[in-house]
Amino acid sequence: MHASSGALIPGHVACTASDGSAIGRPEELTGMQPESGNDAEVTREEQRALGWAAIAAVAIIVWLMSPVAMGMLLGALMAFTFQPIYERAVRRWPPAVAALATVLGSTLTVAVTLGGLAWFLVYDGTILGRRVIESLGSEGGARRVADAVSDVTSHIGISAEDLAARARTFVEAATTRAAGVAASIASTTASTVLALFFVMLTMYFMLRRWPLISATAQATLPLRPEYTRKLFEEFRRVGRTTLLSTLVIGVLQGTLATIGYWMAGLPRPVFFGALTAIASLVPGLGTLIVWVPAGLALVLLGHVGRGVLLLAWGPLVVTGIPDYVIRPRLVGHGSALPALLTFTALFGGAELLGLKGLIIGPVLMAIAVATLRLYADEARARRRDTSTPP
């Protein structure tokens, strides 16, 4: 018995029997046909079209979400922040009930806190503004402070009269603006209600569906699943850190400052405490733009002991306890951004997006840095594989 083989063509093998008759090619035996060049080109075109359709779909979704995007972002950050409370509640109640209770309780707490700060800031600020305008007269305390400061500013051509006039103009404008803010707070707008609705809806959805969201993203995005998972974990971590640092630390600093203002005998200490909580959002300077001028004003008015007490209370208690004791316990120390990038995110976000940029800026910066770190890790791994001999 003998067998002969036909000519061997790359990618094409013909088999013959001992009598020379053709048995058939492998694809004919299995019934499978190789994909022709035209079919492969059609498949690539379809995939390319589907990719562009997916990009268009994402653009449409982002466009439709843009009017309520801030509310949805805040809802996601609140979900990340209050996740531990939800996990404890779900041990006792059904998941839907636990998520609803967490959403309602946390939203009410945040709304009451922010509303209370706004109320004290506006109501007490209006009253205090009138008193400051009156005290800018010839015998008032504010006028005595202006006279003391003018001893320094007179060398550059600014007299006590100029200081008093500028201070009066500034306080009058601030008082008028505060009255307008009070009116806007009293009349809740439809946009505020809509934003609050999306905060609560997004928070509920994130609490219930976060594992599904993460798994779907890992299966859909054109990245390795571990890369997508790391980016989502970074988004969750920095979101929780940003909200805790912004809200909890700010309120704590305002509360501690209020105690210091009351001990120092400052008028309307609750107003200055609320002002300190708002000032904690200012990058770099923070709370010292409130308690430093207040302490110096007490010293210039002759209350040296109380002024020194306030100037010592600020760095030791208002800044020291929240920043070095409370903040590490709340947000930890892991993978913090360098100080330069942190200030860039805060100032840049505030400049481009206003007050909400103080939240959006750090979140975007942290995700961008995490992406670059993943890229650097991948590049190092490729270089190691290339340099390793086979």
Protein backbone atom coordinates (compact mmCIF):
# COMPACT_ATOMS: atom_id res chain seq x y z
CA MET A 1 0.00 0.00 0.00
CA HIS A 2 1.34 3.38 -0.84
CA ALA A 3 0.12 6.90 -0.54
CA SER A 4 0.98 10.03 -2.37
CA SER A 5 0.51 13.59 -1.24
CA GLY A 6 -0.37 16.55 -3.32
CA ALA A 7 1.44 19.85 -3.50
CA LEU A 8 1.60 21.71 -0.20
CA ILE A 9 0.32 25.25 -0.44
CA PRO A 10 0.53 27.44 2.64
CA GLY A 11 -2.84 27.40 4.37
CA HIS A 12 -4.17 24.80 1.95
CA VAL A 13 -3.60 21.03 2.24
CA ALA A 14 -5.00 18.45 -0.21
CA CYS A 15 -5.12 14.79 0.83
CA THR A 16 -5.14 11.84 -1.61
CA ALA A 17 -5.79 8.16 -1.16
CA SER A 18 -3.51 5.35 -2.28
CA ASP A 19 -5.24 5.20 -5.63
CA GLY A 20 -4.68 8.90 -6.26
CA SER A 21 -8.27 10.00 -5.75
CA ALA A 22 -8.79 13.11 -3.71
CA ILE A 23 -10.21 12.68 -0.27
CA GLY A 24 -10.93 16.36 0.16
CA ARG A 25 -9.63 19.38 1.98
CA PRO A 26 -10.08 19.66 5.77
CA GLU A 27 -12.65 22.41 5.53
CA GLU A 28 -14.68 20.30 3.12
CA LEU A 29 -14.62 17.38 5.56
CA THR A 30 -15.76 19.53 8.50
CA GLY A 31 -18.18 21.70 6.59
CA MET A 32 -16.33 24.91 7.74
CA GLN A 33 -15.41 27.52 5.21
CA PRO A 34 -12.57 29.98 5.80
CA GLU A 35 -13.53 33.61 6.10
CA SER A 36 -12.85 35.39 2.85
CA GLY A 37 -11.12 38.75 2.67
CA ASN A 38 -14.41 40.51 1.86
CA ASP A 39 -16.15 38.95 4.86
CA ALA A 40 -13.31 40.00 7.18
CA GLU A 41 -13.48 43.54 5.84
CA VAL A 42 -17.25 43.63 6.37
CA THR A 43 -16.78 42.42 9.95
CA ARG A 44 -14.23 45.14 10.67
CA GLU A 45 -16.54 47.78 9.20
CA GLU A 46 -19.40 46.53 11.37
CA GLN A 47 -17.22 46.63 14.48
CA ARG A 48 -16.03 50.13 13.60
CA ALA A 49 -19.61 51.30 13.08
CA LEU A 50 -20.67 49.76 16.38
CA GLY A 51 -17.79 51.52 18.12
CA TRP A 52 -18.84 54.90 16.72
CA ALA A 53 -22.45 54.18 17.67
CA ALA A 54 -21.32 53.43 21.23
CA ILE A 55 -19.39 56.71 21.37
CA ALA A 56 -22.45 58.59 20.10
CA ALA A 57 -24.62 56.85 22.69
CA VAL A 58 -22.28 57.91 25.50
CA ALA A 59 -22.24 61.49 24.19
CA ILE A 60 -26.06 61.56 24.12
CA ILE A 61 -26.27 60.20 27.66
CA VAL A 62 -23.76 62.78 28.95
CA TRP A 63 -25.62 65.57 27.14
CA LEU A 64 -28.95 64.56 28.67
CA MET A 65 -27.38 64.15 32.12
CA SER A 66 -25.62 67.53 32.11
CA PRO A 67 -28.50 69.55 33.69
CA VAL A 68 -28.60 67.20 36.70
CA ALA A 69 -25.00 65.97 36.63
CA MET A 70 -24.00 67.78 39.83
CA GLY A 71 -26.89 66.25 41.75
CA MET A 72 -25.98 62.80 40.46
CA LEU A 73 -22.32 63.29 41.40
CA LEU A 74 -23.25 64.40 44.91
CA GLY A 75 -25.56 61.40 45.21
CA ALA A 76 -22.74 59.06 44.22
CA LEU A 77 -20.33 60.69 46.69
CA MET A 78 -22.90 60.46 49.46
CA ALA A 79 -23.45 56.79 48.64
CA PHE A 80 -19.72 56.14 48.97
CA THR A 81 -19.60 58.12 52.22
CA PHE A 82 -22.56 56.46 53.91
CA GLN A 83 -21.86 52.95 52.59
CA PRO A 84 -20.75 51.70 56.07
CA ILE A 85 -24.09 52.79 57.56
CA TYR A 86 -25.98 50.98 54.79
CA GLU A 87 -23.94 47.81 55.35
CA ARG A 88 -24.84 47.81 59.03
CA ALA A 89 -28.51 48.52 58.30
CA VAL A 90 -28.78 45.74 55.72
CA ARG A 91 -27.92 43.20 58.42
CA ARG A 92 -31.21 43.98 60.16
CA TRP A 93 -33.53 45.05 57.33
CA PRO A 94 -34.15 44.04 53.71
CA PRO A 95 -31.74 45.74 51.27
CA ALA A 96 -34.39 48.02 49.77
CA VAL A 97 -35.53 49.22 53.20
CA ALA A 98 -31.95 49.65 54.41
CA ALA A 99 -31.02 51.68 51.33
CA LEU A 100 -34.12 53.88 51.62
CA ALA A 101 -33.48 54.53 55.32
CA THR A 102 -29.85 55.40 54.63
CA VAL A 103 -30.81 57.79 51.82
CA LEU A 104 -33.50 59.59 53.82
CA GLY A 105 -31.46 59.83 57.01
CA SER A 106 -28.25 61.03 55.38
CA THR A 107 -30.00 63.50 53.06
CA LEU A 108 -31.96 64.99 55.96
CA THR A 109 -28.79 65.30 58.03
CA VAL A 110 -26.85 67.02 55.26
CA ALA A 111 -29.76 69.31 54.34
CA VAL A 112 -30.34 70.40 57.94
CA THR A 113 -26.64 71.00 58.48
CA LEU A 114 -26.15 73.08 55.34
CA GLY A 115 -29.46 74.87 55.84
CA GLY A 116 -28.54 75.72 59.43
CA LEU A 117 -25.17 77.09 58.36
CA ALA A 118 -26.79 79.22 55.69
CA TRP A 119 -29.44 80.50 58.10
CA PHE A 120 -26.97 81.51 60.83
CA LEU A 121 -24.66 83.05 58.27
CA VAL A 122 -27.40 85.15 56.69
CA TYR A 123 -29.56 86.03 59.72
CA ASP A 124 -26.78 86.79 62.21
CA GLY A 125 -24.68 88.35 59.46
CA THR A 126 -27.41 90.85 58.64
CA ILE A 127 -27.74 91.90 62.28
CA LEU A 128 -23.98 92.05 62.79
CA GLY A 129 -23.55 94.07 59.59
CA ARG A 130 -25.87 96.79 60.87
CA ARG A 131 -23.95 96.93 64.15
CA VAL A 132 -20.62 97.22 62.35
CA ILE A 133 -21.95 100.08 60.21
CA GLU A 134 -23.07 101.88 63.37
CA SER A 135 -19.77 101.23 65.14
CA LEU A 136 -17.83 102.79 62.27
CA GLY A 137 -18.84 106.15 63.76
CA SER A 138 -16.41 108.29 65.70
CA GLU A 139 -16.74 106.36 68.99
CA GLY A 140 -17.46 102.83 67.78
CA GLY A 141 -15.24 99.80 68.21
CA ALA A 142 -14.88 99.27 64.47
CA ARG A 143 -13.69 102.87 64.13
CA ARG A 144 -11.06 102.29 66.83
CA VAL A 145 -9.81 99.26 64.88
CA ALA A 146 -9.63 101.38 61.73
CA ASP A 147 -7.67 104.06 63.60
CA ALA A 148 -5.19 101.46 64.87
CA VAL A 149 -4.73 99.94 61.42
CA SER A 150 -4.29 103.37 59.86
CA ASP A 151 -1.07 103.82 61.86
CA VAL A 152 0.40 101.26 59.46
CA THR A 153 -1.52 102.06 56.28
CA SER A 154 -0.93 105.81 56.56
CA HIS A 155 2.60 105.24 55.28
CA ILE A 156 1.13 104.15 51.93
CA GLY A 157 -1.43 106.94 51.79
CA ILE A 158 -4.48 105.21 53.28
CA SER A 159 -5.94 107.17 56.19
CA ALA A 160 -8.37 106.09 58.88
CA GLU A 161 -11.18 107.87 57.04
CA ASP A 162 -10.41 105.91 53.89
CA LEU A 163 -10.39 102.63 55.83
CA ALA A 164 -13.70 103.43 57.54
CA ALA A 165 -15.34 104.43 54.26
CA ARG A 166 -14.15 101.29 52.48
CA ALA A 167 -15.21 99.10 55.39
CA ARG A 168 -18.65 100.73 55.46
CA THR A 169 -19.09 100.17 51.71
CA PHE A 170 -18.01 96.54 51.99
CA VAL A 171 -20.30 95.78 54.95
CA GLU A 172 -23.28 97.50 53.32
CA ALA A 173 -22.80 95.48 50.14
CA ALA A 174 -22.42 92.25 52.15
CA THR A 175 -25.55 93.00 54.17
CA THR A 176 -27.57 93.69 51.02
CA ARG A 177 -26.29 90.51 49.45
CA ALA A 178 -27.12 88.53 52.59
CA ALA A 179 -30.70 89.80 52.47
CA GLY A 180 -30.95 88.58 48.88
CA VAL A 181 -29.56 85.19 49.88
CA ALA A 182 -32.11 84.96 52.68
CA ALA A 183 -34.92 85.62 50.22
CA SER A 184 -33.62 82.95 47.85
CA ILE A 185 -33.35 80.44 50.70
CA ALA A 186 -36.90 81.15 51.80
CA SER A 187 -38.24 80.57 48.28
CA THR A 188 -37.10 77.07 47.32
CA THR A 189 -36.77 76.85 43.54
CA ALA A 190 -37.80 73.98 41.32
CA SER A 191 -34.18 73.42 40.27
CA THR A 192 -33.19 72.86 43.90
CA VAL A 193 -35.95 70.32 44.38
CA LEU A 194 -34.95 68.58 41.14
CA ALA A 195 -31.28 68.45 42.20
CA LEU A 196 -32.24 67.04 45.60
CA PHE A 197 -34.41 64.40 43.91
CA PHE A 198 -31.49 63.24 41.74
CA VAL A 199 -29.16 63.23 44.74
CA MET A 200 -31.47 60.82 46.56
CA LEU A 201 -32.25 58.72 43.47
CA THR A 202 -28.57 58.34 42.54
CA MET A 203 -27.60 57.54 46.11
CA TYR A 204 -30.23 54.79 46.34
CA PHE A 205 -29.16 53.34 42.99
CA MET A 206 -25.46 53.36 43.95
CA LEU A 207 -26.09 51.68 47.29
CA ARG A 208 -28.11 48.90 45.69
CA ARG A 209 -26.31 48.43 42.36
CA TRP A 210 -22.68 49.39 42.84
CA PRO A 211 -21.32 45.80 42.47
CA LEU A 212 -23.36 45.39 39.27
CA ILE A 213 -22.14 48.77 37.93
CA SER A 214 -18.53 47.84 38.60
CA ALA A 215 -18.86 44.38 37.04
CA THR A 216 -20.61 45.76 33.93
CA ALA A 217 -17.90 48.37 33.47
CA GLN A 218 -15.19 45.74 33.77
CA ALA A 219 -16.87 43.68 31.06
CA THR A 220 -17.63 46.62 28.74
CA LEU A 221 -14.81 49.15 28.87
CA PRO A 222 -11.84 48.54 26.54
CA LEU A 223 -9.46 48.06 29.47
CA ARG A 224 -8.24 45.09 31.39
CA PRO A 225 -10.80 44.19 34.07
CA GLU A 226 -8.25 44.78 36.85
CA TYR A 227 -7.53 48.26 35.49
CA THR A 228 -11.21 49.16 35.40
CA ARG A 229 -11.65 47.80 38.90
CA LYS A 230 -8.75 49.91 40.21
CA LEU A 231 -10.13 53.06 38.58
CA PHE A 232 -13.56 52.47 40.08
CA GLU A 233 -12.04 51.84 43.49
CA GLU A 234 -10.06 55.07 43.19
CA PHE A 235 -13.22 56.98 42.22
CA ARG A 236 -15.01 55.54 45.23
CA ARG A 237 -12.14 56.30 47.62
CA VAL A 238 -11.53 59.87 46.47
CA GLY A 239 -15.27 60.60 46.37
CA ARG A 240 -15.67 59.54 49.98
CA THR A 241 -12.54 61.45 50.99
CA THR A 242 -13.62 64.62 49.22
CA LEU A 243 -17.09 64.73 50.74
CA LEU A 244 -15.87 63.92 54.24
CA SER A 245 -13.11 66.51 54.02
CA THR A 246 -15.48 69.12 52.64
CA LEU A 247 -18.55 68.64 54.81
CA VAL A 248 -17.63 66.86 58.04
CA ILE A 249 -14.30 68.59 58.63
CA GLY A 250 -15.77 71.98 57.71
CA VAL A 251 -18.67 71.63 60.14
CA LEU A 252 -16.33 70.37 62.86
CA GLN A 253 -13.98 73.32 62.40
CA GLY A 254 -16.92 75.72 62.49
CA THR A 255 -18.19 74.16 65.72
CA LEU A 256 -14.80 74.30 67.44
CA ALA A 257 -14.31 77.86 66.25
CA THR A 258 -17.72 78.85 67.64
CA ILE A 259 -16.62 77.64 71.08
CA GLY A 260 -13.45 79.73 70.80
CA TYR A 261 -15.36 82.83 69.71
CA TRP A 262 -17.75 82.43 72.63
CA MET A 263 -14.88 82.04 75.09
CA ALA A 264 -13.19 85.14 73.66
CA GLY A 265 -16.39 87.17 74.03
CA LEU A 266 -16.81 87.84 70.32
CA PRO A 267 -20.31 89.11 69.43
CA ARG A 268 -22.51 86.70 67.48
CA PRO A 269 -20.15 83.72 67.85
CA VAL A 270 -22.50 81.44 65.88
CA PHE A 271 -22.21 83.71 62.86
CA PHE A 272 -18.42 83.66 62.99
CA GLY A 273 -18.53 79.89 63.46
CA ALA A 274 -20.66 79.47 60.34
CA LEU A 275 -18.32 81.82 58.49
CA THR A 276 -15.36 79.69 59.62
CA ALA A 277 -17.05 76.53 58.31
CA ILE A 278 -17.52 78.18 54.92
CA ALA A 279 -13.95 79.52 54.97
CA SER A 280 -12.63 75.99 55.47
CA LEU A 281 -13.43 75.43 51.77
CA VAL A 282 -10.95 78.10 50.69
CA PRO A 283 -7.79 76.36 49.44
CA GLY A 284 -4.58 77.12 51.29
CA LEU A 285 -5.85 79.74 53.74
CA GLY A 286 -8.93 78.04 55.14
CA THR A 287 -10.20 78.99 58.58
CA LEU A 288 -7.39 81.38 59.45
CA ILE A 289 -8.97 84.10 57.28
CA VAL A 290 -11.64 84.35 59.99
CA TRP A 291 -10.05 83.71 63.36
CA VAL A 292 -6.82 85.64 62.68
CA PRO A 293 -8.57 88.98 61.90
CA ALA A 294 -10.99 88.37 64.80
CA GLY A 295 -8.13 87.80 67.24
CA LEU A 296 -6.19 90.82 65.98
CA ALA A 297 -9.31 92.99 66.24
CA LEU A 298 -9.71 92.01 69.90
CA VAL A 299 -6.07 92.89 70.57
CA LEU A 300 -6.43 96.28 68.85
CA LEU A 301 -9.55 97.01 70.90
CA GLY A 302 -7.57 96.48 74.09
CA HIS A 303 -8.75 92.94 74.91
CA VAL A 304 -5.27 91.50 74.68
CA GLY A 305 -5.91 88.38 76.75
CA ARG A 306 -9.01 87.36 74.81
CA GLY A 307 -7.32 88.13 71.51
CA VAL A 308 -4.30 85.99 72.37
CA LEU A 309 -6.62 83.21 73.53
CA LEU A 310 -8.39 83.24 70.16
CA LEU A 311 -5.13 83.37 68.21
CA ALA A 312 -3.90 80.33 70.13
CA TRP A 313 -7.24 78.49 69.91
CA GLY A 314 -7.22 78.70 66.12
CA PRO A 315 -4.07 76.71 65.28
CA LEU A 316 -4.24 74.37 68.27
CA VAL A 317 -7.93 73.43 68.24
CA VAL A 318 -9.70 74.70 65.11
CA THR A 319 -6.96 73.51 62.76
CA GLY A 320 -4.97 71.02 64.83
CA ILE A 321 -7.67 68.61 66.05
CA PRO A 322 -9.63 68.23 62.75
CA ASP A 323 -6.55 68.03 60.52
CA TYR A 324 -4.28 65.84 62.63
CA VAL A 325 -6.69 63.78 64.75
CA ILE A 326 -10.11 63.53 63.09
CA ARG A 327 -9.27 63.66 59.37
CA PRO A 328 -6.83 60.68 59.42
CA ARG A 329 -9.44 58.54 61.19
CA LEU A 330 -12.12 59.47 58.68
CA VAL A 331 -10.26 59.28 55.38
CA GLY A 332 -6.98 57.53 56.22
CA HIS A 333 -3.57 58.25 54.76
CA GLY A 334 -3.47 55.99 51.72
CA SER A 335 -2.51 57.19 48.23
CA ALA A 336 -3.05 60.88 48.92
CA LEU A 337 -2.36 63.34 46.11
CA PRO A 338 0.79 65.43 46.34
CA ALA A 339 0.20 68.89 47.79
CA LEU A 340 0.92 70.60 44.45
CA LEU A 341 -1.74 68.54 42.64
CA THR A 342 -4.21 69.00 45.51
CA PHE A 343 -3.95 72.80 45.38
CA THR A 344 -4.05 72.73 41.59
CA ALA A 345 -7.27 70.71 41.66
CA LEU A 346 -8.87 72.99 44.25
CA PHE A 347 -7.89 76.32 42.70
CA GLY A 348 -8.39 75.14 39.13
CA GLY A 349 -11.75 73.55 39.91
CA ALA A 350 -12.97 76.67 41.72
CA GLU A 351 -11.79 78.93 38.89
CA LEU A 352 -13.41 76.87 36.13
CA LEU A 353 -16.57 75.61 37.84
CA GLY A 354 -17.15 77.92 40.79
CA LEU A 355 -17.88 76.58 44.26
CA LYS A 356 -18.81 73.12 43.00
CA GLY A 357 -15.33 72.88 41.49
CA LEU A 358 -14.00 72.39 45.02
CA ILE A 359 -15.63 68.94 44.88
CA ILE A 360 -15.35 68.10 41.19
CA GLY A 361 -11.72 69.24 40.83
CA PRO A 362 -10.14 66.83 43.36
CA VAL A 363 -12.25 63.92 42.08
CA LEU A 364 -11.17 64.45 38.46
CA MET A 365 -7.54 65.02 39.44
CA ALA A 366 -7.38 61.83 41.51
CA ILE A 367 -8.90 59.72 38.72
CA ALA A 368 -6.50 61.26 36.18
CA VAL A 369 -3.50 60.53 38.40
CA ALA A 370 -4.71 56.97 38.99
CA THR A 371 -4.99 56.46 35.22
CA LEU A 372 -1.45 57.70 34.68
CA ARG A 373 -0.19 55.39 37.43
CA LEU A 374 -1.84 52.41 35.74
CA TYR A 375 -0.25 53.41 32.44
CA ALA A 376 3.16 53.74 34.08
CA ASP A 377 2.81 50.31 35.72
CA GLU A 378 1.87 48.76 32.37
CA ALA A 379 4.83 50.45 30.63
CA ARG A 380 7.24 49.15 33.27
CA ALA A 381 5.80 45.65 32.93
CA ARG A 382 6.26 45.75 29.14
CA ARG A 383 9.88 46.85 29.51
CA ARG A 384 10.55 44.03 31.98
CA ASP A 385 9.04 41.48 29.59
CA THR A 386 11.11 42.85 26.70
CA SER A 387 14.37 42.85 28.62
CA THR A 388 13.88 39.37 30.10
CA PRO A 389 15.78 36.81 27.97
CA PRO A 390 13.70 33.83 26.71
